[in-house]
Amino acid sequence: MAAEVFVAMIIPRRTVVRLLAAPIAFLAIQQLARADGNYIIDGFANIGIYYGSAELFSPGGTLLSTTSAMTVETTIGCQQLGLVDGAACADAMSNAIITGLATQTSPAPPPVFSEFFESQLPSFADNNGLGNAAAISFDSGFDPTTTPTVTSEALYTDLSSQPGSFVVTGDTGFVPYGAQFDYVFAFGPITLPVPYVTNNNPPCCATTMAATMNVQFFERDLQLTEVATPEPRGTWLALVAVLLVWLARRNLRQLAGAGKTVFRSALLSILSLAVLSQTAQR
């Protein structure tokens, strides 16, 4: 019977093994390597799921609309296995996470996520597994408050992309849900369609792979308030006031030049104010 040999990577201060560093540099366990051995790629990944809502209010406090958004990223890089093996890896990973979140009850996923976002998660399945590819530096976990990523910041952009003029009047920031390893799922071993050649000494092929995935949830909610704009009536009143002031000054100059009394100038000013007051009442 062929011996199974795990293909591992040296990772300082960590007991788990990672799949696909950049550049890929697998190290075989030399004492177990044999010509007839079947190497297994053993991987670990963190998946960050960011979700939330933005409520848009009128200047008077009336709720006008609610916008929801979600972004996802993962530290695994299935696509680096090549087109065929990468597709098998990505499919296995996304299925394991989607199925796991749908069936896990202790602890259950975040209620807001389950109600509004879980049904959208399959749309993030791609050749990376789920969502965008995160940098290797996040293999110990995500912390979008301290170390934001392009994907975590994209949630804020999606939530704050509203029509019209508004200001952000409330922001919860990223609130993590649950402990770091509350949602851990795995797949495999699965058979790779094409044997994957590793950098072992001597070089050999991995024919199967397995992986463990740790899912982290972060919620962020915004409150947006529209900026009040002057009503057309207010604009017209301002124009009328400017016009009356100009006319008053013009008539005052004309009256002074003609040697008219101050009484007529005062009367013109009173009439101007009376017209302005009547316009405002209308």
Protein backbone atom coordinates (compact mmCIF):
# COMPACT_ATOMS: atom_id res chain seq x y z
CA MET A 1 0.00 0.00 0.00
CA ALA A 2 1.30 3.44 -0.86
CA ALA A 3 2.34 5.57 2.09
CA GLU A 4 0.67 8.95 2.61
CA VAL A 5 3.05 11.83 3.22
CA PHE A 6 1.88 15.30 4.26
CA VAL A 7 3.41 18.22 2.42
CA ALA A 8 4.01 20.91 4.99
CA MET A 9 5.52 24.39 5.20
CA ILE A 10 7.77 25.80 7.90
CA ILE A 11 5.83 28.60 9.62
CA PRO A 12 7.53 30.36 12.57
CA ARG A 13 5.62 30.16 15.87
CA ARG A 14 2.61 28.41 14.34
CA THR A 15 1.47 24.83 14.58
CA VAL A 16 -0.88 24.89 11.60
CA VAL A 17 0.31 24.57 8.04
CA ARG A 18 -0.65 26.97 5.29
CA LEU A 19 -1.53 26.32 1.73
CA LEU A 20 0.26 28.27 -0.94
CA ALA A 21 2.67 30.85 0.28
CA ALA A 22 4.02 33.24 -2.32
CA PRO A 23 6.25 31.98 -3.79
CA ILE A 24 5.08 28.40 -3.23
CA ALA A 25 7.70 26.59 -1.19
CA PHE A 26 6.57 23.24 0.16
CA LEU A 27 8.90 21.13 2.28
CA ALA A 28 8.49 17.38 2.40
CA ILE A 29 8.99 15.48 5.61
CA GLN A 30 12.18 13.77 4.52
CA GLN A 31 12.01 10.71 6.72
CA LEU A 32 8.61 9.78 5.26
CA ALA A 33 9.29 10.61 1.61
CA ARG A 34 9.20 7.60 -0.65
CA ALA A 35 9.06 7.11 -4.39
CA ASP A 36 5.64 5.50 -4.10
CA GLY A 37 4.34 8.04 -1.57
CA ASN A 38 1.15 10.03 -2.08
CA TYR A 39 1.70 13.58 -0.93
CA ILE A 40 -1.21 15.50 0.62
CA ILE A 41 -1.45 19.29 0.56
CA ASP A 42 -2.64 20.38 4.00
CA GLY A 43 -3.89 23.96 4.20
CA PHE A 44 -5.28 26.55 6.58
CA ALA A 45 -7.09 29.79 5.77
CA ASN A 46 -8.84 32.70 7.46
CA ILE A 47 -12.01 34.07 5.89
CA GLY A 48 -13.17 37.58 6.77
CA ILE A 49 -16.87 38.38 6.27
CA TYR A 50 -17.78 42.06 6.60
CA TYR A 51 -21.43 43.13 6.54
CA GLY A 52 -23.66 45.96 7.68
CA SER A 53 -26.30 48.53 6.80
CA ALA A 54 -26.63 52.28 6.27
CA GLU A 55 -29.82 54.11 7.25
CA LEU A 56 -30.48 57.39 5.44
CA PHE A 57 -32.54 59.99 7.33
CA SER A 58 -34.10 63.27 6.26
CA PRO A 59 -32.99 66.48 8.06
CA GLY A 60 -36.13 66.11 10.16
CA GLY A 61 -35.28 62.58 11.27
CA THR A 62 -37.51 60.54 8.94
CA LEU A 63 -35.99 57.24 7.75
CA LEU A 64 -35.79 57.43 3.96
CA SER A 65 -33.96 54.21 3.01
CA THR A 66 -31.81 51.36 4.28
CA THR A 67 -28.88 49.98 2.28
CA SER A 68 -27.18 46.68 3.11
CA ALA A 69 -23.82 45.40 1.87
CA MET A 70 -21.33 42.56 2.40
CA THR A 71 -17.73 41.93 1.36
CA VAL A 72 -15.65 38.76 1.78
CA GLU A 73 -11.96 37.87 1.63
CA THR A 74 -9.79 34.83 2.33
CA THR A 75 -6.10 34.16 2.82
CA ILE A 76 -6.13 30.94 0.82
CA GLY A 77 -5.10 31.04 -2.84
CA CYS A 78 -6.68 28.11 -4.64
CA GLN A 79 -5.99 29.68 -8.03
CA GLN A 80 -2.25 29.20 -7.45
CA LEU A 81 -2.77 25.46 -7.84
CA GLY A 82 -3.52 25.98 -11.50
CA LEU A 83 -6.78 26.17 -13.37
CA VAL A 84 -8.08 22.64 -12.84
CA ASP A 85 -6.80 21.90 -9.34
CA GLY A 86 -7.60 25.47 -8.27
CA ALA A 87 -11.22 25.04 -9.32
CA ALA A 88 -11.49 21.83 -7.30
CA CYS A 89 -9.93 23.52 -4.26
CA ALA A 90 -12.15 26.61 -4.50
CA ASP A 91 -15.32 24.58 -4.97
CA ALA A 92 -14.55 22.36 -1.98
CA MET A 93 -13.72 25.33 0.24
CA SER A 94 -16.78 27.43 -0.61
CA ASN A 95 -19.10 24.43 -0.24
CA ALA A 96 -17.63 23.55 3.16
CA ILE A 97 -18.11 27.08 4.49
CA ILE A 98 -21.58 27.68 3.05
CA THR A 99 -22.86 24.30 4.24
CA GLY A 100 -21.16 24.66 7.61
CA LEU A 101 -22.66 28.06 8.35
CA ALA A 102 -26.10 26.82 7.32
CA THR A 103 -25.99 23.87 9.71
CA GLN A 104 -23.92 25.04 12.70
CA THR A 105 -26.06 25.86 15.71
CA SER A 106 -23.59 26.10 18.60
CA PRO A 107 -22.61 28.80 18.36
CA ALA A 108 -24.99 29.95 15.66
CA PRO A 109 -23.81 32.50 13.10
CA PRO A 110 -24.64 36.16 13.79
CA PRO A 111 -28.43 36.65 13.62
CA VAL A 112 -28.14 39.69 11.34
CA PHE A 113 -25.89 37.76 8.98
CA SER A 114 -28.22 34.75 8.93
CA GLU A 115 -31.29 36.88 8.25
CA PHE A 116 -30.02 39.30 5.64
CA PHE A 117 -26.71 38.10 4.19
CA GLU A 118 -26.26 34.33 4.36
CA SER A 119 -28.32 33.75 1.21
CA GLN A 120 -25.89 36.00 -0.70
CA LEU A 121 -22.75 34.12 0.35
CA PRO A 122 -22.78 31.67 -2.61
CA SER A 123 -22.41 34.64 -4.97
CA PHE A 124 -18.91 35.22 -3.53
CA ALA A 125 -17.68 31.76 -4.53
CA ASP A 126 -14.88 32.16 -7.09
CA ASN A 127 -11.51 30.74 -8.08
CA ASN A 128 -10.07 31.98 -4.79
CA GLY A 129 -12.67 30.05 -2.79
CA LEU A 130 -14.68 32.90 -1.28
CA GLY A 131 -14.19 36.56 -2.11
CA ASN A 132 -10.98 38.48 -2.61
CA ALA A 133 -7.50 37.13 -1.97
CA ALA A 134 -6.03 38.59 1.23
CA ALA A 135 -2.36 39.11 1.92
CA ILE A 136 -0.40 36.36 3.65
CA SER A 137 0.18 38.72 6.58
CA PHE A 138 -3.38 38.00 7.68
CA ASP A 139 -2.86 34.27 8.16
CA SER A 140 -3.18 34.81 11.92
CA GLY A 141 -6.58 36.46 11.55
CA PHE A 142 -8.25 39.69 10.47
CA ASP A 143 -8.59 42.86 12.51
CA PRO A 144 -10.14 45.54 10.27
CA THR A 145 -10.10 48.18 13.02
CA THR A 146 -6.34 48.01 13.56
CA THR A 147 -5.28 46.75 10.13
CA PRO A 148 -7.91 47.55 7.49
CA THR A 149 -7.82 45.80 4.14
CA VAL A 150 -9.08 46.79 0.72
CA THR A 151 -12.00 44.42 1.21
CA SER A 152 -12.97 45.70 4.64
CA GLU A 153 -12.77 49.31 3.46
CA ALA A 154 -14.91 48.42 0.46
CA LEU A 155 -17.82 47.79 2.84
CA TYR A 156 -17.74 51.42 4.01
CA THR A 157 -17.62 52.60 0.40
CA ASP A 158 -20.62 50.45 -0.54
CA LEU A 159 -22.65 51.63 2.45
CA SER A 160 -21.87 55.33 1.96
CA SER A 161 -22.52 55.35 -1.80
CA GLN A 162 -25.92 57.05 -1.69
CA PRO A 163 -27.52 59.56 -4.06
CA GLY A 164 -27.87 63.14 -2.95
CA SER A 165 -26.04 65.19 -0.34
CA PHE A 166 -25.62 63.78 3.16
CA VAL A 167 -23.23 63.54 6.09
CA VAL A 168 -22.27 60.50 8.14
CA THR A 169 -23.82 61.13 11.56
CA GLY A 170 -23.23 57.67 13.04
CA ASP A 171 -20.66 54.89 12.59
CA THR A 172 -20.34 51.84 14.82
CA GLY A 173 -16.96 50.88 13.39
CA PHE A 174 -16.21 47.18 12.92
CA VAL A 175 -17.72 45.06 15.67
CA PRO A 176 -16.46 41.44 15.75
CA TYR A 177 -18.96 38.69 16.44
CA GLY A 178 -17.96 35.66 18.49
CA ALA A 179 -14.53 34.36 19.38
CA GLN A 180 -11.83 33.97 16.73
CA PHE A 181 -12.26 30.21 16.33
CA ASP A 182 -16.02 29.83 16.83
CA TYR A 183 -16.61 29.05 13.16
CA VAL A 184 -14.07 26.53 11.88
CA PHE A 185 -14.81 24.27 8.92
CA ALA A 186 -12.81 21.77 6.88
CA PHE A 187 -12.85 19.79 3.66
CA GLY A 188 -11.00 16.82 2.27
CA PRO A 189 -8.99 14.99 1.56
CA ILE A 190 -10.14 15.53 -2.00
CA THR A 191 -8.42 14.10 -5.06
CA LEU A 192 -6.73 16.68 -7.23
CA PRO A 193 -7.66 16.26 -10.91
CA VAL A 194 -4.04 16.96 -11.91
CA PRO A 195 -1.15 15.85 -9.62
CA TYR A 196 0.47 18.98 -8.24
CA VAL A 197 4.29 19.11 -8.47
CA THR A 198 5.85 20.47 -5.28
CA ASN A 199 9.28 21.88 -4.51
CA ASN A 200 10.28 18.93 -2.39
CA ASN A 201 13.65 17.30 -2.53
CA PRO A 202 13.33 15.26 -4.62
CA PRO A 203 10.38 16.93 -6.42
CA CYS A 204 7.19 14.97 -6.21
CA CYS A 205 3.49 15.21 -6.73
CA ALA A 206 0.58 15.92 -4.42
CA THR A 207 -2.48 13.96 -5.47
CA THR A 208 -4.88 14.98 -2.68
CA MET A 209 -5.47 17.97 -0.44
CA ALA A 210 -7.34 18.95 2.70
CA ALA A 211 -7.85 22.32 4.36
CA THR A 212 -9.26 23.93 7.49
CA MET A 213 -10.93 27.35 7.33
CA ASN A 214 -11.58 29.81 10.15
CA VAL A 215 -14.43 32.26 9.48
CA GLN A 216 -14.50 35.66 11.19
CA PHE A 217 -17.50 38.02 11.22
CA PHE A 218 -17.40 41.83 11.48
CA GLU A 219 -20.45 44.11 11.41
CA ARG A 220 -20.40 47.83 10.65
CA ASP A 221 -23.47 50.10 10.53
CA LEU A 222 -23.77 53.73 9.43
CA GLN A 223 -26.31 56.49 9.96
CA LEU A 224 -26.54 59.07 7.18
CA THR A 225 -28.45 62.36 7.31
CA GLU A 226 -29.40 64.42 4.29
CA VAL A 227 -28.12 67.97 4.12
CA ALA A 228 -31.00 70.48 4.12
CA THR A 229 -31.25 72.55 0.94
CA PRO A 230 -32.94 76.00 0.71
CA GLU A 231 -36.53 75.85 -0.54
CA PRO A 232 -37.37 77.74 -3.76
CA ARG A 233 -39.51 80.20 -1.74
CA GLY A 234 -36.54 81.10 0.42
CA THR A 235 -34.41 81.67 -2.65
CA TRP A 236 -36.98 84.01 -4.19
CA LEU A 237 -37.29 85.98 -0.95
CA ALA A 238 -33.55 86.48 -0.88
CA LEU A 239 -33.58 87.76 -4.47
CA VAL A 240 -36.46 90.14 -3.75
CA ALA A 241 -34.64 91.51 -0.71
CA VAL A 242 -31.49 92.18 -2.71
CA LEU A 243 -33.49 93.89 -5.45
CA LEU A 244 -35.35 96.13 -2.99
CA VAL A 245 -32.13 97.18 -1.29
CA TRP A 246 -30.63 98.11 -4.66
CA LEU A 247 -33.71 100.11 -5.64
CA ALA A 248 -33.75 101.89 -2.30
CA ARG A 249 -30.14 102.96 -2.62
CA ARG A 250 -30.69 104.09 -6.21
CA ASN A 251 -33.73 106.18 -5.31
CA LEU A 252 -31.94 107.67 -2.33
CA ARG A 253 -29.16 108.90 -4.57
CA GLN A 254 -31.66 110.31 -7.04
CA LEU A 255 -33.66 112.04 -4.32
CA ALA A 256 -30.56 113.53 -2.73
CA GLY A 257 -29.42 114.88 -6.07
CA ALA A 258 -32.80 116.49 -6.67
CA GLY A 259 -32.77 118.13 -3.24
CA LYS A 260 -35.76 116.17 -1.93
CA THR A 261 -36.51 115.87 1.72
CA VAL A 262 -35.33 113.14 4.02
CA PHE A 263 -38.99 112.30 4.64
CA ARG A 264 -39.44 110.90 1.16
CA SER A 265 -36.31 108.73 1.57
CA ALA A 266 -37.62 107.32 4.84
CA LEU A 267 -41.01 106.70 3.25
CA LEU A 268 -39.40 104.75 0.39
CA SER A 269 -37.49 102.56 2.83
CA ILE A 270 -40.69 101.84 4.81
CA LEU A 271 -42.52 100.91 1.61
CA SER A 272 -39.67 98.58 0.61
CA LEU A 273 -39.78 96.78 3.95
CA ALA A 274 -43.56 96.49 3.69
CA VAL A 275 -43.29 94.84 0.26
CA LEU A 276 -40.65 92.40 1.56
CA SER A 277 -42.82 91.50 4.56
CA GLN A 278 -45.83 90.86 2.35
CA THR A 279 -43.76 88.64 0.04
CA ALA A 280 -42.51 86.60 2.99
CA GLN A 281 -46.06 85.99 4.21
CA ARG A 282 -47.04 84.63 0.82
